[in-house]
C-alpha cells in the first residue's frame, strides 16, 4: 500500500543551533546601521522646519515597540523563517505567505542595490581616499562594477555555507566599524569651537555665508512639529531592525539571543546614531548644519560644496588630518561589508520554510549533513540576487529600492497584527501560554507583546496615511505604487495554486498551518 505523504517534508528541518546571540544581534545591527546612513540629511529638505534630533529620539521610543513585537514572536515560536512562520500560524496561511513574499522581494531589490553601492560608492570612496583616483573611477564602470559585485554575491554564499566562518565575519566587520567609530567620535568633538575656521579652510567657503545663502533659497529657522512627525514617519521603515529573527531556529539560548537580536540591537544602534548625529550638530551648529542640508536638498546650483553634507564628510572636516579620510572611508566599508551575507540569510531561510510547508519543491529543503546549511536555497538566492544586481546596474533602476521599502512596510504591518493577536487567537493560545515567562509579561493586564504589536501597527498605519498624503514622503510614481497591490495578488494567487496542487496529491496544507513546523 502506497504511503500517504506527510504534511511536512520530514520530521526535522536539519538546521541546528549553531549561531550565538551575537549573530542574531549582528544581523539586525548590520542592516539597520547601513540603511540609516543614507536618509538623515535629506530629511531637512524634505520636511521644512523639522527637528531631526527630536525625530531620532522618538524613533528610539518607537524601536522598543518594534523590538518587542518581533523579539517576543521569535521567542514564542523559535523557528527559522521569521515573519512567515508567525503570520501563517497566527493570522492566515495565505496572508502570511503574501507578507513574506513581499518581504522577500524587498530583500532581493535591497540586496542588489546594497551590493551595487558597496562597490560603486564605498569601495570607490575608500580607494579615492588612499589616492587611487583612477582605480576609484574604474570600479564605477558598469562592467567592472557588475563583476566585483558578483564576487561579493559569491563571498556571501560561501560565508553562509559555513556558519562558524559567518560568525567570525560578523565579529570582525562589526569590531572594525566600532573601532573606527571610537577613534572618530572624540576626534570629531575636538573640533568644537573651531569648526567655522576648519570648514572655511577646508572648503574655501565662508562658514558664516551658509545660513544667509540658505535663507535666500527658502530656508527657515523655525521648528515645525508636523514636519518633525513626517520625518519620523519617513525614517521609521528604514530605521528599525528585526532581521535576527530569521535564524531563531538556529541560535543557542533563544531567549537571550532574541533579546539581543531585537531589543539589544535597536537600543545600541539608536544610541550610537543619536550620539553621532548629535555630535555633528554640537560641533557644526544646529541651525548651520540644517541650513547646509537644506542647500544640498533644495538649493540646486546654490549649493557651494563639491560633496554632500553627510556625517562622514562632516567628520573629515572636523578633524583636519590626512588619516581621517581613509579611516572614515574604511569604517564605512567595514559597516557596508558587514551586510554582505545578511540578505542570503533572510531570503534563504524564508523560502526554506515555504518549501518545508510544501509551497516549493521538496528538493529545495535539502540541508547539508556536514555543514547544516540549506545549500540549494542559498544557491537559488544567489541566482535571484545576481539577476536583480544586473537589473540594478545596467538599467539604473535605483528607484526600486524606495519601492522595496514600501513592500517591506507592508510585511511589517502584517507581522504587527500577529504580535497583537498572538495571546488571543484560539489556535495560538497554547503557543503563547507555553512561551518563556518574558513573552507572557503583562503591563496593566495587557500582554506586552500585544502592546508591542499595537505600537508597531499604529506607526506603520501612520506611515502609510502620511505617505499617501505627502509627496515628500512618497516619491513613487503611480506605476510603482500599483506594483504593490499587483504583487500582493501574485502572492495570494501562488499560495492558492500551490494549495490546489498539493490537494491533488492528497496533501491538505491547512493541517500544517495548525501547528509549528518541526525544529
Protein backbone atom coordinates (compact mmCIF):
# COMPACT_ATOMS: atom_id res chain seq x y z
CA UNK A 1 0.00 0.00 0.00
CA UNK A 2 1.42 3.40 -1.01
CA UNK A 3 2.35 5.57 1.93
CA UNK A 4 0.46 8.85 2.08
CA UNK A 5 2.82 11.87 2.06
CA UNK A 6 3.11 13.74 5.33
CA UNK A 7 2.11 17.34 5.83
CA UNK A 8 5.69 18.47 6.41
CA UNK A 9 8.57 17.35 4.22
CA UNK A 10 10.15 15.49 7.16
CA UNK A 11 10.13 15.36 10.94
CA UNK A 12 13.12 17.71 11.38
CA UNK A 13 14.39 20.65 9.33
CA UNK A 14 18.04 19.59 9.53
CA UNK A 15 19.01 23.09 10.70
CA UNK A 16 20.86 23.08 14.01
CA UNK A 17 21.51 25.68 16.69
CA UNK A 18 24.99 26.82 15.73
CA UNK A 19 24.51 30.60 15.90
CA UNK A 20 25.06 32.68 19.05
CA UNK A 21 23.24 35.68 20.49
CA UNK A 22 25.89 37.87 18.85
CA UNK A 23 24.99 36.55 15.40
CA UNK A 24 21.32 37.46 15.93
CA UNK A 25 22.43 40.87 17.21
CA UNK A 26 24.80 41.38 14.27
CA UNK A 27 22.20 40.57 11.62
CA UNK A 28 19.82 43.22 12.96
CA UNK A 29 22.56 45.75 13.73
CA UNK A 30 24.25 45.44 10.33
CA UNK A 31 21.10 46.05 8.32
CA UNK A 32 19.91 48.97 10.41
CA UNK A 33 23.21 50.85 10.60
CA UNK A 34 23.74 50.70 6.84
CA UNK A 35 20.25 51.68 5.71
CA UNK A 36 20.17 54.64 8.08
CA UNK A 37 23.33 56.22 6.67
CA UNK A 38 21.56 57.45 3.56
CA UNK A 39 18.44 59.10 4.92
CA UNK A 40 19.12 61.61 7.71
CA UNK A 41 20.44 64.61 5.80
CA UNK A 42 17.66 64.71 3.13
CA UNK A 43 15.03 65.00 5.88
CA UNK A 44 15.77 68.71 6.32
CA UNK A 45 14.95 69.46 2.70
CA UNK A 46 12.00 67.11 2.51
CA UNK A 47 10.33 68.44 5.65
CA UNK A 48 10.93 72.19 6.18
CA UNK A 49 11.10 73.06 9.87
CA UNK A 50 11.83 69.53 11.04
CA UNK A 51 13.98 68.79 14.07
CA UNK A 52 15.88 65.61 13.13
CA UNK A 53 17.18 65.12 16.68
CA UNK A 54 13.66 65.04 18.13
CA UNK A 55 12.66 62.60 15.37
CA UNK A 56 15.60 60.34 16.29
CA UNK A 57 14.67 60.34 19.98
CA UNK A 58 11.06 59.49 19.11
CA UNK A 59 12.34 56.69 16.89
CA UNK A 60 14.25 55.33 19.87
CA UNK A 61 10.94 55.02 21.75
CA UNK A 62 9.23 53.51 18.72
CA UNK A 63 12.04 50.97 18.35
CA UNK A 64 11.05 49.39 21.65
CA UNK A 65 7.54 48.57 20.39
CA UNK A 66 9.06 47.21 17.23
CA UNK A 67 11.67 45.10 19.03
CA UNK A 68 9.14 43.62 21.45
CA UNK A 69 6.75 42.73 18.63
CA UNK A 70 9.35 40.77 16.64
CA UNK A 71 11.51 39.56 19.52
CA UNK A 72 8.62 38.17 21.55
CA UNK A 73 7.16 36.42 18.48
CA UNK A 74 10.55 34.81 17.87
CA UNK A 75 10.77 33.58 21.46
CA UNK A 76 7.22 32.21 21.35
CA UNK A 77 7.85 30.49 18.00
CA UNK A 78 11.61 29.82 17.85
CA UNK A 79 11.78 28.67 14.25
CA UNK A 80 13.86 29.91 11.36
CA UNK A 81 11.88 31.74 8.71
CA UNK A 82 10.84 34.75 10.77
CA UNK A 83 7.58 36.57 9.93
CA UNK A 84 6.44 33.82 7.55
CA UNK A 85 6.12 31.36 10.43
CA UNK A 86 4.39 33.83 12.76
CA UNK A 87 1.92 35.20 10.26
CA UNK A 88 0.88 31.88 8.74
CA UNK A 89 0.24 30.41 12.20
CA UNK A 90 -1.39 33.40 13.94
CA UNK A 91 -3.30 35.00 11.07
CA UNK A 92 -3.99 33.04 7.89
CA UNK A 93 -1.66 30.94 5.71
CA UNK A 94 -2.39 32.93 2.55
CA UNK A 95 -1.91 36.29 4.27
CA UNK A 96 1.28 35.07 5.93
CA UNK A 97 2.72 33.83 2.65
CA UNK A 98 1.78 37.05 0.86
CA UNK A 99 3.51 39.12 3.54
CA UNK A 100 6.72 37.09 3.32
CA UNK A 101 6.54 37.16 -0.48
CA UNK A 102 6.60 40.97 -0.31
CA UNK A 103 9.45 40.92 2.22
CA UNK A 104 11.45 38.53 0.01
CA UNK A 105 11.13 40.88 -2.97
CA UNK A 106 12.13 43.74 -0.69
CA UNK A 107 15.27 41.83 0.33
CA UNK A 108 16.12 40.93 -3.26
CA UNK A 109 15.82 44.52 -4.50
CA UNK A 110 17.57 46.00 -1.47
CA UNK A 111 20.34 43.40 -1.62
CA UNK A 112 21.05 44.16 -5.27
CA UNK A 113 21.28 47.88 -4.59
CA UNK A 114 23.44 47.41 -1.47
CA UNK A 115 25.94 45.21 -3.34
CA UNK A 116 25.96 47.87 -6.07
CA UNK A 117 26.57 50.71 -3.61
CA UNK A 118 29.20 48.74 -1.70
CA UNK A 119 31.39 48.85 -4.80
CA UNK A 120 30.30 51.97 -6.69
CA UNK A 121 30.23 54.26 -3.65
CA UNK A 122 32.00 52.81 -0.64
CA UNK A 123 34.90 50.96 -2.27
CA UNK A 124 35.33 53.80 -4.76
CA UNK A 125 35.41 56.31 -1.91
CA UNK A 126 37.94 54.22 0.03
CA UNK A 127 40.25 53.92 -2.99
CA UNK A 128 39.93 57.65 -3.64
CA UNK A 129 40.81 58.46 0.00
CA UNK A 130 44.03 56.47 -0.44
CA UNK A 131 44.92 58.45 -3.56
CA UNK A 132 43.97 55.83 -6.17
CA UNK A 133 41.70 58.10 -8.19
CA UNK A 134 41.93 56.06 -11.40
CA UNK A 135 41.01 52.81 -9.63
CA UNK A 136 38.19 54.61 -7.79
CA UNK A 137 36.74 55.71 -11.13
CA UNK A 138 37.24 52.31 -12.77
CA UNK A 139 35.18 50.38 -10.20
CA UNK A 140 32.14 52.53 -11.01
CA UNK A 141 32.14 51.40 -14.66
CA UNK A 142 29.12 49.10 -15.19
CA UNK A 143 31.03 46.02 -16.40
CA UNK A 144 33.67 46.24 -13.67
CA UNK A 145 31.03 47.10 -11.09
CA UNK A 146 28.95 44.05 -12.04
CA UNK A 147 31.98 41.75 -11.93
CA UNK A 148 33.06 42.97 -8.48
CA UNK A 149 29.51 42.95 -7.10
CA UNK A 150 29.11 39.38 -8.41
CA UNK A 151 32.22 38.41 -6.46
CA UNK A 152 30.51 39.89 -3.39
CA UNK A 153 27.49 37.63 -4.03
CA UNK A 154 29.81 34.61 -4.22
CA UNK A 155 31.52 35.64 -0.97
CA UNK A 156 28.10 35.97 0.65
CA UNK A 157 27.01 32.45 -0.30
CA UNK A 158 30.35 30.96 0.79
CA UNK A 159 30.08 32.64 4.19
CA UNK A 160 26.55 31.31 4.60
CA UNK A 161 27.71 27.79 3.83
CA UNK A 162 29.97 27.83 6.88
CA UNK A 163 28.14 29.19 9.97
CA UNK A 164 31.30 29.45 12.09
CA UNK A 165 33.05 31.49 9.42
CA UNK A 166 29.96 33.65 9.18
CA UNK A 167 30.08 34.30 12.93
CA UNK A 168 33.71 35.35 12.73
CA UNK A 169 32.95 37.58 9.76
CA UNK A 170 30.26 39.36 11.77
CA UNK A 171 32.64 39.84 14.69
CA UNK A 172 35.44 41.18 12.50
CA UNK A 173 33.37 43.65 10.48
CA UNK A 174 31.44 44.99 13.47
CA UNK A 175 34.64 45.29 15.52
CA UNK A 176 36.37 47.21 12.73
CA UNK A 177 33.45 49.58 12.27
CA UNK A 178 33.13 50.17 16.03
CA UNK A 179 36.87 50.78 16.43
CA UNK A 180 36.71 53.28 13.59
CA UNK A 181 33.74 54.99 15.24
CA UNK A 182 35.52 55.04 18.62
CA UNK A 183 38.50 56.75 17.03
CA UNK A 184 36.42 59.25 15.10
CA UNK A 185 33.98 60.40 17.79
CA UNK A 186 36.48 62.06 20.17
CA UNK A 187 38.37 63.40 17.15
CA UNK A 188 35.15 64.97 15.85
CA UNK A 189 34.37 66.50 19.24
CA UNK A 190 37.83 68.07 19.26
CA UNK A 191 36.55 70.38 16.53
CA UNK A 192 34.10 72.03 18.94
CA UNK A 193 34.69 75.80 18.92
CA UNK A 194 36.99 75.57 15.90
CA UNK A 195 34.63 74.29 13.24
CA UNK A 196 33.91 77.64 11.50
CA UNK A 197 37.62 78.09 10.91
CA UNK A 198 38.13 74.44 9.94
CA UNK A 199 35.22 74.49 7.49
CA UNK A 200 36.31 77.71 5.80
CA UNK A 201 39.90 76.47 5.46
CA UNK A 202 38.92 73.01 4.16
CA UNK A 203 36.32 74.13 1.61
CA UNK A 204 37.22 77.72 0.72
CA UNK A 205 33.60 78.64 1.56
CA UNK A 206 32.93 81.14 4.34
CA UNK A 207 31.21 79.32 7.22
CA UNK A 208 29.15 82.44 8.01
CA UNK A 209 27.76 82.58 4.45
CA UNK A 210 25.84 79.30 4.68
CA UNK A 211 22.80 80.37 6.75
CA UNK A 212 22.15 83.61 4.77
CA UNK A 213 22.58 81.73 1.49
CA UNK A 214 20.14 79.03 2.65
CA UNK A 215 17.60 81.66 3.72
CA UNK A 216 17.82 83.25 0.29
CA UNK A 217 16.85 79.85 -1.07
CA UNK A 218 13.81 79.39 1.16
CA UNK A 219 15.32 78.01 4.38
CA UNK A 220 13.52 78.87 7.62
CA UNK A 221 14.88 78.57 11.15
CA UNK A 222 11.61 77.80 12.96
CA UNK A 223 10.57 74.40 14.30
CA UNK A 224 7.51 72.66 12.91
CA UNK A 225 6.05 69.67 14.77
CA UNK A 226 4.18 68.44 11.72
CA UNK A 227 7.42 68.29 9.74
CA UNK A 228 9.15 66.51 12.63
CA UNK A 229 6.41 63.87 12.74
CA UNK A 230 6.65 63.49 8.96
CA UNK A 231 10.37 62.88 9.40
CA UNK A 232 9.57 60.22 11.98
CA UNK A 233 7.19 58.52 9.54
CA UNK A 234 9.75 58.72 6.75
CA UNK A 235 12.69 57.35 8.73
CA UNK A 236 10.91 54.53 10.54
CA UNK A 237 10.55 51.81 7.87
CA UNK A 238 14.25 52.16 7.03
CA UNK A 239 15.48 52.57 10.56
CA UNK A 240 14.12 49.79 12.72
CA UNK A 241 15.54 46.28 12.61
CA UNK A 242 14.31 42.74 13.20
CA UNK A 243 16.47 40.66 10.84
CA UNK A 244 17.89 38.40 13.55
CA UNK A 245 14.55 36.62 13.98
CA UNK A 246 15.12 34.79 10.69
CA UNK A 247 17.59 32.45 12.40
CA UNK A 248 15.58 31.92 15.62
CA UNK A 249 15.56 28.17 14.98
CA UNK A 250 19.35 28.10 14.69
CA UNK A 251 20.51 30.12 17.71
CA UNK A 252 21.55 28.82 21.08
CA UNK A 253 19.54 30.07 24.07
CA UNK A 254 16.72 31.61 22.04
CA UNK A 255 15.50 33.91 24.80
CA UNK A 256 18.88 35.60 25.28
CA UNK A 257 19.62 35.62 21.55
CA UNK A 258 16.32 37.21 20.58
CA UNK A 259 16.56 39.81 23.34
CA UNK A 260 19.92 40.90 21.96
CA UNK A 261 18.87 40.36 18.37
CA UNK A 262 15.89 42.73 18.65
CA UNK A 263 15.81 44.88 21.80
CA UNK A 264 19.59 44.97 22.25
CA UNK A 265 20.36 45.74 18.62
CA UNK A 266 17.75 48.50 18.38
CA UNK A 267 18.81 50.14 21.65
CA UNK A 268 22.55 50.14 20.91
CA UNK A 269 22.10 51.23 17.33
CA UNK A 270 19.79 54.12 18.19
CA UNK A 271 22.06 55.32 20.99
CA UNK A 272 25.09 55.25 18.68
CA UNK A 273 23.33 57.14 15.94
CA UNK A 274 21.84 59.74 18.27
CA UNK A 275 25.32 60.32 19.69
CA UNK A 276 26.92 60.71 16.25
CA UNK A 277 24.21 62.91 14.77
CA UNK A 278 24.14 64.94 17.98
CA UNK A 279 27.91 65.39 17.77
CA UNK A 280 27.62 66.76 14.24
CA UNK A 281 25.05 69.31 15.41
CA UNK A 282 27.05 70.17 18.53
CA UNK A 283 30.28 70.84 16.67
CA UNK A 284 28.95 72.47 13.50
CA UNK A 285 25.91 74.26 14.94
CA UNK A 286 22.32 73.05 14.77
CA UNK A 287 20.91 75.79 12.53
CA UNK A 288 24.05 75.87 10.40
CA UNK A 289 24.02 72.15 9.62
CA UNK A 290 20.33 72.26 8.79
CA UNK A 291 20.99 75.22 6.51
CA UNK A 292 23.74 73.33 4.70
CA UNK A 293 21.50 70.27 4.36
CA UNK A 294 18.71 72.48 3.01
CA UNK A 295 21.03 73.91 0.35
CA UNK A 296 22.05 70.40 -0.63
CA UNK A 297 18.42 69.29 -0.96
CA UNK A 298 16.81 72.45 -2.32
CA UNK A 299 19.49 74.90 -3.36
CA UNK A 300 20.44 73.40 -6.69
CA UNK A 301 23.41 75.27 -8.12
CA UNK A 302 23.50 77.46 -5.00
CA UNK A 303 24.93 74.54 -3.02
CA UNK A 304 28.56 75.62 -2.55
CA UNK A 305 30.36 72.32 -1.85
CA UNK A 306 31.69 69.58 -4.10
CA UNK A 307 30.45 66.83 -1.73
CA UNK A 308 27.29 66.05 0.21
CA UNK A 309 26.90 67.14 3.87
CA UNK A 310 26.71 63.58 5.22
CA UNK A 311 28.04 62.61 8.63
CA UNK A 312 31.15 61.03 7.16
CA UNK A 313 32.06 64.10 5.10
CA UNK A 314 31.48 66.46 8.01
CA UNK A 315 33.74 64.28 10.17
CA UNK A 316 36.57 64.72 7.67
CA UNK A 317 36.25 68.50 8.02
CA UNK A 318 36.06 68.45 11.82
CA UNK A 319 39.31 66.51 12.06
CA UNK A 320 41.75 68.12 9.61
CA UNK A 321 44.32 65.34 9.49
CA UNK A 322 45.32 63.18 6.49
CA UNK A 323 44.41 59.94 8.25
CA UNK A 324 40.78 60.93 8.82
CA UNK A 325 39.54 60.44 5.26
CA UNK A 326 40.84 56.85 4.92
CA UNK A 327 39.67 55.95 8.45
CA UNK A 328 36.16 57.26 7.77
CA UNK A 329 36.06 55.52 4.38
CA UNK A 330 37.36 52.25 5.84
CA UNK A 331 34.84 52.41 8.68
CA UNK A 332 32.07 52.82 6.14
CA UNK A 333 33.47 49.99 4.04
CA UNK A 334 33.53 47.69 7.09
CA UNK A 335 29.96 48.68 8.02
CA UNK A 336 28.70 48.02 4.50
CA UNK A 337 30.66 44.75 4.23
CA UNK A 338 29.02 43.50 7.42
CA UNK A 339 25.75 43.36 5.49
CA UNK A 340 27.12 41.15 2.69
CA UNK A 341 25.85 37.76 3.96
CA UNK A 342 22.64 39.02 5.59
CA UNK A 343 20.41 39.08 2.51
CA UNK A 344 21.22 35.44 1.79
CA UNK A 345 20.18 34.55 5.33
CA UNK A 346 16.86 36.38 5.10
CA UNK A 347 15.87 35.11 1.67
CA UNK A 348 17.11 31.54 2.06
CA UNK A 349 15.50 31.00 5.48
CA UNK A 350 12.17 32.47 4.48
CA UNK A 351 11.93 30.46 1.24
CA UNK A 352 13.28 27.34 3.00
CA UNK A 353 10.26 27.40 5.30
CA UNK A 354 7.96 27.89 2.32
CA UNK A 355 9.35 24.66 0.93
CA UNK A 356 9.07 22.91 4.29
CA UNK A 357 5.37 23.73 4.23
CA UNK A 358 5.31 22.27 0.68
CA UNK A 359 4.93 25.56 -1.16
CA UNK A 360 8.16 24.87 -3.10
CA UNK A 361 9.63 21.56 -4.37
CA UNK A 362 10.92 19.15 -1.71
CA UNK A 363 14.44 19.33 -3.18
CA UNK A 364 14.63 22.96 -2.02
CA UNK A 365 14.73 21.84 1.63
CA UNK A 366 17.87 19.74 1.35
CA UNK A 367 20.34 20.52 4.14
CA UNK A 368 23.99 19.52 4.14
CA UNK A 369 24.57 16.90 6.84
CA UNK A 370 28.10 18.19 7.39
CA UNK A 371 27.51 21.94 7.19
CA UNK A 372 23.89 22.04 8.43
CA UNK A 373 23.06 24.71 5.85
CA UNK A 374 20.33 24.73 3.15
CA UNK A 375 22.64 24.63 0.13
CA UNK A 376 20.02 24.65 -2.63
CA UNK A 377 18.13 27.53 -1.00
CA UNK A 378 21.38 29.52 -0.78
CA UNK A 379 22.32 28.83 -4.41
CA UNK A 380 18.83 29.80 -5.57
CA UNK A 381 19.10 33.00 -3.53
CA UNK A 382 22.41 33.83 -5.22
CA UNK A 383 20.93 33.35 -8.69
CA UNK A 384 17.98 35.63 -7.94
CA UNK A 385 20.27 38.28 -6.43
CA UNK A 386 22.55 38.12 -9.49
CA UNK A 387 19.59 38.82 -11.78
CA UNK A 388 18.45 41.73 -9.60
CA UNK A 389 22.03 43.02 -9.46
CA UNK A 390 22.28 43.08 -13.25
CA UNK A 391 18.99 44.98 -13.48
CA UNK A 392 20.15 47.46 -10.82
CA UNK A 393 23.49 48.15 -12.50
CA UNK A 394 22.68 48.08 -16.19
CA UNK A 395 19.23 49.68 -16.09
CA UNK A 396 19.94 52.28 -13.40
CA UNK A 397 16.72 51.44 -11.54
CA UNK A 398 17.87 52.67 -8.15
CA UNK A 399 14.32 53.83 -7.50
CA UNK A 400 13.33 50.20 -6.96
CA UNK A 401 14.92 50.47 -3.54
CA UNK A 402 12.32 53.01 -2.50
CA UNK A 403 9.61 50.74 -3.80
CA UNK A 404 11.20 47.86 -1.89
CA UNK A 405 10.91 49.84 1.35
CA UNK A 406 7.16 50.04 0.79
CA UNK A 407 6.97 46.30 0.25
CA UNK A 408 8.85 45.77 3.49
CA UNK A 409 6.49 48.14 5.28
CA UNK A 410 3.50 46.01 4.24
CA UNK A 411 5.23 42.91 5.60
CA UNK A 412 5.96 44.68 8.89
CA UNK A 413 2.34 45.85 9.18
CA UNK A 414 1.08 42.29 8.78
CA UNK A 415 3.52 40.98 11.40
CA UNK A 416 2.45 43.67 13.87
CA UNK A 417 -1.07 42.21 13.75
CA UNK A 418 0.37 38.79 14.63
CA UNK A 419 2.03 40.33 17.69
CA UNK A 420 -1.22 41.97 18.74
CA UNK A 421 -3.29 38.80 18.41
CA UNK A 422 -0.92 36.01 19.49
CA UNK A 423 -2.33 35.76 23.05
CA UNK A 424 -5.96 35.85 21.87
CA UNK A 425 -6.25 33.69 18.74
CA UNK A 426 -7.56 30.27 19.74
CA UNK A 427 -5.09 28.29 17.61
CA UNK A 428 -2.06 30.11 19.09
CA UNK A 429 -3.15 30.49 22.71
CA UNK A 430 -1.34 27.28 23.59
CA UNK A 431 1.84 28.59 21.93
CA UNK A 432 1.58 31.80 23.94
CA UNK A 433 0.88 30.03 27.22
CA UNK A 434 3.86 27.70 26.78
CA UNK A 435 6.24 30.51 25.75
CA UNK A 436 9.01 31.78 28.08
CA UNK A 437 7.78 33.88 31.01
CA UNK A 438 9.12 37.10 29.46
CA UNK A 439 6.80 36.61 26.47
CA UNK A 440 3.83 36.29 28.83
CA UNK A 441 4.68 39.51 30.68
CA UNK A 442 1.73 41.87 31.11
CA UNK A 443 1.50 45.61 31.70
CA UNK A 444 -1.72 46.74 33.39
CA UNK A 445 -3.21 43.37 32.49
CA UNK A 446 -2.36 43.65 28.78
CA UNK A 447 0.25 41.27 27.28
CA UNK A 448 3.44 43.16 26.46
CA UNK A 449 3.58 41.52 23.04
CA UNK A 450 0.13 42.95 22.29
CA UNK A 451 1.37 46.39 23.29
CA UNK A 452 4.43 45.97 21.08
CA UNK A 453 2.32 44.84 18.15
CA UNK A 454 -0.20 47.65 18.64
CA UNK A 455 2.54 50.29 18.77
CA UNK A 456 4.14 48.90 15.61
CA UNK A 457 0.78 48.67 13.84
CA UNK A 458 -0.17 52.27 14.68
CA UNK A 459 3.17 53.57 13.48
CA UNK A 460 3.01 51.65 10.20
CA UNK A 461 -0.59 52.80 9.67
CA UNK A 462 0.50 56.40 10.26
CA UNK A 463 3.37 55.88 7.82
CA UNK A 464 1.02 54.71 5.05
CA UNK A 465 -1.51 57.50 5.63
CA UNK A 466 1.21 60.13 5.90
CA UNK A 467 2.99 58.91 2.79
CA UNK A 468 -0.22 58.80 0.79
CA UNK A 469 -0.99 62.42 1.69
CA UNK A 470 2.52 63.86 1.39
CA UNK A 471 4.51 63.59 -1.86
CA UNK A 472 7.74 64.33 0.07
CA UNK A 473 7.35 61.06 1.98
CA UNK A 474 6.18 59.14 -1.07
CA UNK A 475 8.46 59.78 -4.07
CA UNK A 476 6.99 56.85 -6.01
CA UNK A 477 5.05 57.21 -9.22
CA UNK A 478 1.65 55.70 -9.89
CA UNK A 479 3.14 52.72 -11.76
CA UNK A 480 5.45 51.92 -8.84
CA UNK A 481 2.64 52.20 -6.31
CA UNK A 482 0.46 49.99 -8.48
CA UNK A 483 3.08 47.24 -8.31
CA UNK A 484 2.39 46.77 -4.58
CA UNK A 485 -1.23 45.51 -4.89
CA UNK A 486 -0.23 43.56 -8.01
CA UNK A 487 2.49 41.74 -6.04
CA UNK A 488 0.02 41.10 -3.22
CA UNK A 489 -2.33 39.45 -5.73
CA UNK A 490 0.54 37.40 -7.20
CA UNK A 491 1.50 36.19 -3.71
CA UNK A 492 -2.07 35.16 -2.89
CA UNK A 493 -2.54 33.50 -6.27
CA UNK A 494 0.65 31.48 -5.89
CA UNK A 495 -0.39 30.24 -2.45
CA UNK A 496 -3.79 29.03 -3.60
CA UNK A 497 -2.36 27.40 -6.73
CA UNK A 498 0.19 25.56 -4.58
CA UNK A 499 -2.56 24.52 -2.17
CA UNK A 500 -4.68 23.19 -5.03
CA UNK A 501 -1.69 21.31 -6.48
CA UNK A 502 -0.95 19.67 -3.12
CA UNK A 503 -4.62 18.74 -2.67
CA UNK A 504 -4.41 16.88 -5.97
CA UNK A 505 -1.52 14.92 -4.39
CA UNK A 506 -3.61 14.12 -1.34
CA UNK A 507 -1.89 16.67 0.94
CA UNK A 508 -4.02 19.11 2.93
CA UNK A 509 -1.80 22.15 3.55
CA UNK A 510 -4.26 23.62 6.04
CA UNK A 511 -3.22 20.94 8.55
CA UNK A 512 0.40 22.14 8.52
CA UNK A 513 -0.57 25.66 9.49
CA UNK A 514 -2.36 24.47 12.62
CA UNK A 515 0.97 23.69 14.26
CA UNK A 516 4.53 24.95 14.27
CA UNK A 517 6.95 23.36 11.79
CA UNK A 518 9.45 20.93 13.38
CA UNK A 519 12.85 22.15 14.55
